[in-house]
Amino acid sequence: MAKEKTLIEKVKRKYKPRKKNEFDTTIVIERPRTGAKPFPWTEELEKEIADYIATHAISLNKCVESNPHWPQINLIFERIHKNPIFGDMYSVAKQSQVLVMNEKTMDVLDKVEHNPELVPWGREAIKQYNWQAARLKPRTFGDKTFVENTNINQEDSLDVLK
């Protein structure tokens, strides 16, 4: 018991809080950052990523897992943000992915048809696919209809009638 007290007292003495007017005088040496090398992006890799995403109805995480030579997801999103050409390619690929998701819903329906116990799972899977499709291609798969309003001047319509 006495040994425990002395150990606790030593720890308290060693880590005393500083006084209000006392400043830390440690010298900080700044060293150059030694992080990972930048990923070698090429146009072929960007096209490969866009093509793979457009033809597979899986998340980007699973795409990266199945392609070990691709960069990490955060680097892909950084590239989308910094390179507008790749960003456009990626968004077109995600919109094309909707058609693949539509085919996947048909596969889900087939599985449910053969096994009625999977109905709750199938319902949720199809809801998820429909939700993603509505967000990626709202004009085609969205819930709302778009109404185009064309304003025609009366003078133009009178010219047409003459």
C-alpha atoms as a PDB file:
ATOM      1  CA  MET A   1       0.000   0.000   0.000  1.00  0.00           C
ATOM      2  CA  ALA A   2       2.815   2.367   0.830  1.00  0.00           C
ATOM      3  CA  LYS A   3       4.516   1.607  -2.488  1.00  0.00           C
ATOM      4  CA  GLU A   4       1.330   2.465  -4.394  1.00  0.00           C
ATOM      5  CA  LYS A   5       1.110   5.865  -2.684  1.00  0.00           C
ATOM      6  CA  THR A   6       4.673   6.759  -3.529  1.00  0.00           C
ATOM      7  CA  LEU A   7       4.152   5.739  -7.149  1.00  0.00           C
ATOM      8  CA  ILE A   8       1.024   7.899  -7.421  1.00  0.00           C
ATOM      9  CA  GLU A   9       2.821  10.806  -5.754  1.00  0.00           C
ATOM     10  CA  LYS A  10       5.731  10.479  -8.206  1.00  0.00           C
ATOM     11  CA  VAL A  11       3.366  10.561 -11.143  1.00  0.00           C
ATOM     12  CA  LYS A  12       1.641  13.648  -9.776  1.00  0.00           C
ATOM     13  CA  ARG A  13       4.940  15.415  -9.248  1.00  0.00           C
ATOM     14  CA  LYS A  14       6.203  14.480 -12.677  1.00  0.00           C
ATOM     15  CA  TYR A  15       3.184  15.891 -14.541  1.00  0.00           C
ATOM     16  CA  LYS A  16       2.539  19.168 -12.739  1.00  0.00           C
ATOM     17  CA  PRO A  17       0.315  21.630 -14.561  1.00  0.00           C
ATOM     18  CA  ARG A  18       2.059  24.767 -15.805  1.00  0.00           C
ATOM     19  CA  LYS A  19       1.520  28.129 -14.240  1.00  0.00           C
ATOM     20  CA  LYS A  20      -0.522  30.731 -16.127  1.00  0.00           C
ATOM     21  CA  ASN A  21       2.417  32.896 -17.169  1.00  0.00           C
ATOM     22  CA  GLU A  22       4.748  30.040 -18.013  1.00  0.00           C
ATOM     23  CA  PHE A  23       5.334  29.448 -21.736  1.00  0.00           C
ATOM     24  CA  ASP A  24       6.331  26.271 -23.478  1.00  0.00           C
ATOM     25  CA  THR A  25       9.823  26.744 -24.848  1.00  0.00           C
ATOM     26  CA  THR A  26      10.208  23.540 -26.800  1.00  0.00           C
ATOM     27  CA  ILE A  27      11.690  23.901 -30.250  1.00  0.00           C
ATOM     28  CA  VAL A  28       9.670  22.441 -33.078  1.00  0.00           C
ATOM     29  CA  ILE A  29      11.709  21.319 -36.059  1.00  0.00           C
ATOM     30  CA  GLU A  30       9.669  21.255 -39.245  1.00  0.00           C
ATOM     31  CA  ARG A  31      10.601  18.470 -41.570  1.00  0.00           C
ATOM     32  CA  PRO A  32       9.428  18.054 -45.125  1.00  0.00           C
ATOM     33  CA  ARG A  33       6.397  15.807 -45.442  1.00  0.00           C
ATOM     34  CA  THR A  34       7.183  12.298 -46.485  1.00  0.00           C
ATOM     35  CA  GLY A  35       3.832  10.902 -47.498  1.00  0.00           C
ATOM     36  CA  ALA A  36       2.863   8.501 -50.183  1.00  0.00           C
ATOM     37  CA  LYS A  37       3.808   9.300 -53.739  1.00  0.00           C
ATOM     38  CA  PRO A  38       1.023  10.761 -55.855  1.00  0.00           C
ATOM     39  CA  PHE A  39      -0.993   8.171 -57.719  1.00  0.00           C
ATOM     40  CA  PRO A  40      -0.011   7.899 -61.404  1.00  0.00           C
ATOM     41  CA  TRP A  41      -3.263   8.806 -63.179  1.00  0.00           C
ATOM     42  CA  THR A  42      -3.588   8.076 -66.860  1.00  0.00           C
ATOM     43  CA  GLU A  43      -6.394   8.620 -69.334  1.00  0.00           C
ATOM     44  CA  GLU A  44      -6.619   4.857 -69.870  1.00  0.00           C
ATOM     45  CA  LEU A  45      -7.195   4.285 -66.155  1.00  0.00           C
ATOM     46  CA  GLU A  46      -9.861   6.978 -66.029  1.00  0.00           C
ATOM     47  CA  LYS A  47     -11.635   5.375 -69.005  1.00  0.00           C
ATOM     48  CA  GLU A  48     -11.334   1.953 -67.390  1.00  0.00           C
ATOM     49  CA  ILE A  49     -12.885   3.215 -64.158  1.00  0.00           C
ATOM     50  CA  ALA A  50     -15.744   4.898 -66.010  1.00  0.00           C
ATOM     51  CA  ASP A  51     -16.399   1.836 -68.200  1.00  0.00           C
ATOM     52  CA  TYR A  52     -16.362  -0.547 -65.256  1.00  0.00           C
ATOM     53  CA  ILE A  53     -18.761   1.614 -63.250  1.00  0.00           C
ATOM     54  CA  ALA A  54     -21.101   1.967 -66.227  1.00  0.00           C
ATOM     55  CA  THR A  55     -21.310  -1.800 -66.747  1.00  0.00           C
ATOM     56  CA  HIS A  56     -21.522  -3.097 -63.162  1.00  0.00           C
ATOM     57  CA  ALA A  57     -24.365  -2.533 -60.707  1.00  0.00           C
ATOM     58  CA  ILE A  58     -22.169  -2.489 -57.619  1.00  0.00           C
ATOM     59  CA  SER A  59     -20.920   0.264 -55.349  1.00  0.00           C
ATOM     60  CA  LEU A  60     -17.660   2.079 -55.941  1.00  0.00           C
ATOM     61  CA  ASN A  61     -16.217   0.373 -52.871  1.00  0.00           C
ATOM     62  CA  LYS A  62     -16.800  -3.077 -54.390  1.00  0.00           C
ATOM     63  CA  CYS A  63     -15.430  -1.868 -57.728  1.00  0.00           C
ATOM     64  CA  VAL A  64     -12.185  -0.827 -56.023  1.00  0.00           C
ATOM     65  CA  GLU A  65     -12.004  -4.137 -54.143  1.00  0.00           C
ATOM     66  CA  SER A  66     -12.336  -6.132 -57.367  1.00  0.00           C
ATOM     67  CA  ASN A  67      -9.692  -3.998 -59.141  1.00  0.00           C
ATOM     68  CA  PRO A  68      -6.578  -3.865 -56.940  1.00  0.00           C
ATOM     69  CA  HIS A  69      -4.642  -1.679 -59.400  1.00  0.00           C
ATOM     70  CA  TRP A  70      -7.152   1.166 -58.922  1.00  0.00           C
ATOM     71  CA  PRO A  71      -6.473   3.921 -56.374  1.00  0.00           C
ATOM     72  CA  GLN A  72      -8.353   4.229 -53.109  1.00  0.00           C
ATOM     73  CA  ILE A  73     -11.875   5.649 -53.111  1.00  0.00           C
ATOM     74  CA  ASN A  74     -10.840   8.966 -51.587  1.00  0.00           C
ATOM     75  CA  LEU A  75      -8.317   9.472 -54.402  1.00  0.00           C
ATOM     76  CA  ILE A  76     -11.005   8.743 -56.994  1.00  0.00           C
ATOM     77  CA  PHE A  77     -13.310  11.342 -55.429  1.00  0.00           C
ATOM     78  CA  GLU A  78     -10.429  13.802 -55.230  1.00  0.00           C
ATOM     79  CA  ARG A  79      -9.729  13.249 -58.930  1.00  0.00           C
ATOM     80  CA  ILE A  80     -13.432  13.752 -59.747  1.00  0.00           C
ATOM     81  CA  HIS A  81     -13.303  17.056 -57.867  1.00  0.00           C
ATOM     82  CA  LYS A  82     -10.037  18.308 -59.375  1.00  0.00           C
ATOM     83  CA  ASN A  83     -10.413  17.066 -62.968  1.00  0.00           C
ATOM     84  CA  PRO A  84     -13.690  18.185 -64.573  1.00  0.00           C
ATOM     85  CA  ILE A  85     -13.234  15.860 -67.559  1.00  0.00           C
ATOM     86  CA  PHE A  86     -13.005  12.809 -65.313  1.00  0.00           C
ATOM     87  CA  GLY A  87     -15.869  14.184 -63.207  1.00  0.00           C
ATOM     88  CA  ASP A  88     -18.073  14.326 -66.301  1.00  0.00           C
ATOM     89  CA  MET A  89     -16.995  10.803 -67.319  1.00  0.00           C
ATOM     90  CA  TYR A  90     -17.846   9.525 -63.834  1.00  0.00           C
ATOM     91  CA  SER A  91     -21.289  11.137 -63.746  1.00  0.00           C
ATOM     92  CA  VAL A  92     -22.163   9.773 -67.204  1.00  0.00           C
ATOM     93  CA  ALA A  93     -20.975   6.333 -66.074  1.00  0.00           C
ATOM     94  CA  LYS A  94     -23.170   6.490 -62.961  1.00  0.00           C
ATOM     95  CA  GLN A  95     -26.153   7.470 -65.101  1.00  0.00           C
ATOM     96  CA  SER A  96     -25.442   4.548 -67.435  1.00  0.00           C
ATOM     97  CA  GLN A  97     -25.225   2.274 -64.414  1.00  0.00           C
ATOM     98  CA  VAL A  98     -28.969   2.788 -63.933  1.00  0.00           C
ATOM     99  CA  LEU A  99     -29.694   0.545 -66.913  1.00  0.00           C
ATOM    100  CA  VAL A 100     -27.575  -2.209 -65.380  1.00  0.00           C
ATOM    101  CA  MET A 101     -29.443  -1.731 -62.084  1.00  0.00           C
ATOM    102  CA  ASN A 102     -32.704  -2.150 -63.981  1.00  0.00           C
ATOM    103  CA  GLU A 103     -31.485  -5.531 -65.212  1.00  0.00           C
ATOM    104  CA  LYS A 104     -30.477  -6.403 -61.673  1.00  0.00           C
ATOM    105  CA  THR A 105     -34.042  -5.758 -60.475  1.00  0.00           C
ATOM    106  CA  MET A 106     -35.215  -8.333 -63.014  1.00  0.00           C
ATOM    107  CA  ASP A 107     -32.755 -10.835 -61.526  1.00  0.00           C
ATOM    108  CA  VAL A 108     -34.122 -10.073 -58.057  1.00  0.00           C
ATOM    109  CA  LEU A 109     -37.653 -10.680 -59.309  1.00  0.00           C
ATOM    110  CA  ASP A 110     -36.598 -14.043 -60.741  1.00  0.00           C
ATOM    111  CA  LYS A 111     -35.020 -15.068 -57.421  1.00  0.00           C
ATOM    112  CA  VAL A 112     -38.158 -14.057 -55.520  1.00  0.00           C
ATOM    113  CA  GLU A 113     -40.354 -15.929 -57.976  1.00  0.00           C
ATOM    114  CA  HIS A 114     -38.451 -19.179 -57.325  1.00  0.00           C
ATOM    115  CA  ASN A 115     -38.227 -18.694 -53.554  1.00  0.00           C
ATOM    116  CA  PRO A 116     -41.225 -16.926 -51.909  1.00  0.00           C
ATOM    117  CA  GLU A 117     -39.331 -16.624 -48.604  1.00  0.00           C
ATOM    118  CA  LEU A 118     -37.173 -13.937 -50.216  1.00  0.00           C
ATOM    119  CA  VAL A 119     -40.091 -11.561 -50.836  1.00  0.00           C
ATOM    120  CA  PRO A 120     -39.178  -9.066 -48.050  1.00  0.00           C
ATOM    121  CA  TRP A 121     -35.549  -9.027 -49.195  1.00  0.00           C
ATOM    122  CA  GLY A 122     -36.578  -8.605 -52.825  1.00  0.00           C
ATOM    123  CA  ARG A 123     -38.940  -5.766 -51.990  1.00  0.00           C
ATOM    124  CA  GLU A 124     -36.199  -3.848 -50.180  1.00  0.00           C
ATOM    125  CA  ALA A 125     -33.629  -4.532 -52.903  1.00  0.00           C
ATOM    126  CA  ILE A 126     -35.967  -3.282 -55.619  1.00  0.00           C
ATOM    127  CA  LYS A 127     -36.825  -0.189 -53.559  1.00  0.00           C
ATOM    128  CA  GLN A 128     -33.122   0.556 -53.239  1.00  0.00           C
ATOM    129  CA  TYR A 129     -32.495   0.129 -56.971  1.00  0.00           C
ATOM    130  CA  ASN A 130     -35.486   2.331 -57.802  1.00  0.00           C
ATOM    131  CA  TRP A 131     -34.348   5.010 -55.362  1.00  0.00           C
ATOM    132  CA  GLN A 132     -30.862   5.097 -56.880  1.00  0.00           C
ATOM    133  CA  ALA A 133     -32.284   5.158 -60.397  1.00  0.00           C
ATOM    134  CA  ALA A 134     -34.575   8.067 -59.521  1.00  0.00           C
ATOM    135  CA  ARG A 135     -31.602  10.043 -58.173  1.00  0.00           C
ATOM    136  CA  LEU A 136     -29.239   9.270 -61.031  1.00  0.00           C
ATOM    137  CA  LYS A 137     -31.734   9.693 -63.897  1.00  0.00           C
ATOM    138  CA  PRO A 138     -34.657  11.712 -62.562  1.00  0.00           C
ATOM    139  CA  ARG A 139     -36.153  12.469 -65.989  1.00  0.00           C
ATOM    140  CA  THR A 140     -36.422   8.776 -66.850  1.00  0.00           C
ATOM    141  CA  PHE A 141     -36.971   7.055 -63.507  1.00  0.00           C
ATOM    142  CA  GLY A 142     -38.039   9.899 -61.196  1.00  0.00           C
ATOM    143  CA  ASP A 143     -41.399  10.190 -59.479  1.00  0.00           C
ATOM    144  CA  LYS A 144     -42.107  13.730 -60.639  1.00  0.00           C
ATOM    145  CA  THR A 145     -43.043  14.624 -64.177  1.00  0.00           C
ATOM    146  CA  PHE A 146     -41.386  17.548 -65.867  1.00  0.00           C
ATOM    147  CA  VAL A 147     -43.606  20.049 -67.620  1.00  0.00           C
ATOM    148  CA  GLU A 148     -42.064  22.241 -70.255  1.00  0.00           C
ATOM    149  CA  ASN A 149     -43.656  25.628 -70.523  1.00  0.00           C
ATOM    150  CA  THR A 150     -43.296  27.297 -73.878  1.00  0.00           C
ATOM    151  CA  ASN A 151     -44.376  30.901 -74.062  1.00  0.00           C
ATOM    152  CA  ILE A 152     -45.564  31.985 -77.480  1.00  0.00           C
ATOM    153  CA  ASN A 153     -46.169  35.606 -78.238  1.00  0.00           C
ATOM    154  CA  GLN A 154     -49.560  36.488 -79.628  1.00  0.00           C
ATOM    155  CA  GLU A 155     -47.958  38.353 -82.517  1.00  0.00           C
ATOM    156  CA  ASP A 156     -46.006  35.253 -83.552  1.00  0.00           C
ATOM    157  CA  SER A 157     -49.120  33.123 -83.491  1.00  0.00           C
ATOM    158  CA  LEU A 158     -50.988  35.723 -85.573  1.00  0.00           C
ATOM    159  CA  ASP A 159     -48.174  35.713 -88.137  1.00  0.00           C
ATOM    160  CA  VAL A 160     -48.490  31.943 -88.405  1.00  0.00           C
ATOM    161  CA  LEU A 161     -52.245  32.215 -89.048  1.00  0.00           C
ATOM    162  CA  LYS A 162     -51.837  34.770 -91.831  1.00  0.00           C
END
